[in-house]
Amino acid sequence: MEKTLRAVVSVRLFTDRKSFGPGIAELLRRVDEHHSLRAAAQSMEMAYSKAWTITKNAEEGLGFKLLVSSTGGKGGGGATLTGEAREFLEAYDRYCAKLRAYGDKLLEEEFAFYQRAN
């Protein structure tokens, strides 16, 4: 049986503490899709309180707001990404894609002996 080697790269960004990573990135993508932090959290099977805490911790670490929220009422509440959040998320996604591409190339180069043996 052939065993293919692969690398899994996960990126976490730090300021004076962990500020951004795959979890908050996915949460923001889902807020963008569902227009609600609560709905985004539910779609990830995450408690709303945890989603709120993750978001607040990321905002404090990064130094800018990620979400603009409106409270419920006749039209209902919701949340949208701030411009800074959208720009940061897009940069994070580009950065991760480039790291994965480079990682795949490096894996091929450094572990070519393994691929030949299998």
Protein backbone atom coordinates (compact mmCIF):
# COMPACT_ATOMS: atom_id res chain seq x y z
CA MET A 1 0.00 0.00 0.00
CA GLU A 2 1.36 3.39 -1.02
CA LYS A 3 1.70 5.95 1.76
CA THR A 4 1.49 9.52 0.51
CA LEU A 5 3.13 12.08 2.73
CA ARG A 6 1.37 15.41 3.23
CA ALA A 7 1.84 18.41 5.48
CA VAL A 8 -0.92 20.30 7.25
CA VAL A 9 -0.05 23.93 7.87
CA SER A 10 -2.08 25.97 10.32
CA VAL A 11 -1.41 29.69 10.81
CA ARG A 12 -1.93 31.61 14.03
CA LEU A 13 -1.02 35.28 14.19
CA PHE A 14 0.18 36.97 17.36
CA THR A 15 0.57 40.52 18.60
CA ASP A 16 1.42 40.47 22.31
CA ARG A 17 -0.85 37.39 22.43
CA LYS A 18 -2.62 35.04 20.06
CA SER A 19 -4.87 37.28 18.00
CA PHE A 20 -6.03 35.47 14.88
CA GLY A 21 -6.16 31.94 13.53
CA PRO A 22 -8.25 29.40 11.68
CA GLY A 23 -11.11 29.45 14.19
CA ILE A 24 -11.82 33.18 14.14
CA ALA A 25 -11.25 33.22 10.37
CA GLU A 26 -13.96 30.58 9.87
CA LEU A 27 -16.25 32.36 12.31
CA LEU A 28 -15.90 35.63 10.36
CA ARG A 29 -16.57 33.84 7.05
CA ARG A 30 -19.77 32.44 8.53
CA VAL A 31 -20.82 35.81 9.96
CA ASP A 32 -20.39 37.17 6.44
CA GLU A 33 -22.57 34.35 5.11
CA HIS A 34 -25.28 34.39 7.81
CA HIS A 35 -25.16 38.10 8.79
CA SER A 36 -25.33 37.08 12.42
CA LEU A 37 -22.78 36.05 15.04
CA ARG A 38 -25.35 33.79 16.68
CA ALA A 39 -26.19 32.03 13.40
CA ALA A 40 -22.50 31.76 12.52
CA ALA A 41 -21.79 30.15 15.88
CA GLN A 42 -24.71 27.75 15.50
CA SER A 43 -23.50 26.73 12.04
CA MET A 44 -20.17 25.77 13.66
CA GLU A 45 -21.90 24.04 16.59
CA MET A 46 -20.33 26.60 18.90
CA ALA A 47 -21.94 28.35 21.83
CA TYR A 48 -22.77 31.99 21.14
CA SER A 49 -20.90 32.99 24.30
CA LYS A 50 -17.74 31.30 23.00
CA ALA A 51 -18.09 33.01 19.60
CA TRP A 52 -18.55 36.35 21.33
CA THR A 53 -15.48 35.76 23.54
CA ILE A 54 -13.31 34.66 20.60
CA THR A 55 -14.35 37.75 18.65
CA LYS A 56 -13.71 40.14 21.55
CA ASN A 57 -10.30 38.58 22.28
CA ALA A 58 -9.30 38.90 18.63
CA GLU A 59 -10.46 42.53 18.54
CA GLU A 60 -8.44 43.34 21.66
CA GLY A 61 -5.35 41.58 20.28
CA LEU A 62 -5.56 43.20 16.85
CA GLY A 63 -6.62 46.63 18.04
CA PHE A 64 -9.66 47.09 15.81
CA LYS A 65 -13.30 46.02 15.62
CA LEU A 66 -14.13 42.95 13.56
CA LEU A 67 -17.92 43.19 13.64
CA VAL A 68 -20.59 45.82 13.53
CA SER A 69 -23.66 44.53 15.35
CA SER A 70 -27.22 45.73 15.51
CA THR A 71 -29.64 44.62 18.21
CA GLY A 72 -32.87 42.83 17.45
CA GLY A 73 -36.17 44.53 17.00
CA LYS A 74 -38.74 44.82 14.26
CA GLY A 75 -36.18 44.14 11.50
CA GLY A 76 -34.16 41.74 13.63
CA GLY A 77 -30.55 42.11 14.67
CA GLY A 78 -27.43 41.06 12.90
CA ALA A 79 -23.73 41.48 12.39
CA THR A 80 -21.50 42.43 9.51
CA LEU A 81 -17.74 42.47 9.07
CA THR A 82 -16.01 45.81 9.38
CA GLY A 83 -13.87 46.95 6.47
CA GLU A 84 -10.76 46.23 8.52
CA ALA A 85 -11.99 42.70 9.30
CA ARG A 86 -12.71 41.99 5.64
CA GLU A 87 -9.29 43.29 4.58
CA PHE A 88 -7.55 41.33 7.36
CA LEU A 89 -9.43 38.10 6.55
CA GLU A 90 -8.61 38.41 2.85
CA ALA A 91 -4.92 39.01 3.64
CA TYR A 92 -4.93 36.05 6.05
CA ASP A 93 -6.46 33.78 3.40
CA ARG A 94 -3.91 34.88 0.77
CA TYR A 95 -1.06 34.40 3.24
CA CYS A 96 -2.25 30.90 4.18
CA ALA A 97 -2.68 29.89 0.53
CA LYS A 98 0.86 31.03 -0.29
CA LEU A 99 2.29 29.21 2.74
CA ARG A 100 0.45 26.01 1.77
CA ALA A 101 1.71 26.24 -1.81
CA TYR A 102 5.28 26.83 -0.65
CA GLY A 103 4.92 24.07 1.97
CA ASP A 104 3.77 21.59 -0.68
CA LYS A 105 6.75 22.47 -2.88
CA LEU A 106 9.17 22.23 0.05
CA LEU A 107 7.70 18.90 1.13
CA GLU A 108 8.25 17.53 -2.37
CA GLU A 109 11.86 18.75 -2.38
CA GLU A 110 12.86 17.68 1.12
CA PHE A 111 11.05 14.35 1.21
CA ALA A 112 11.59 13.21 -2.37
CA PHE A 113 13.49 10.19 -1.02
CA TYR A 114 10.36 9.09 0.85
CA GLN A 115 8.13 9.43 -2.20
CA ARG A 116 10.60 7.36 -4.29
CA ALA A 117 10.65 4.62 -1.64
CA ASN A 118 6.87 4.31 -1.56
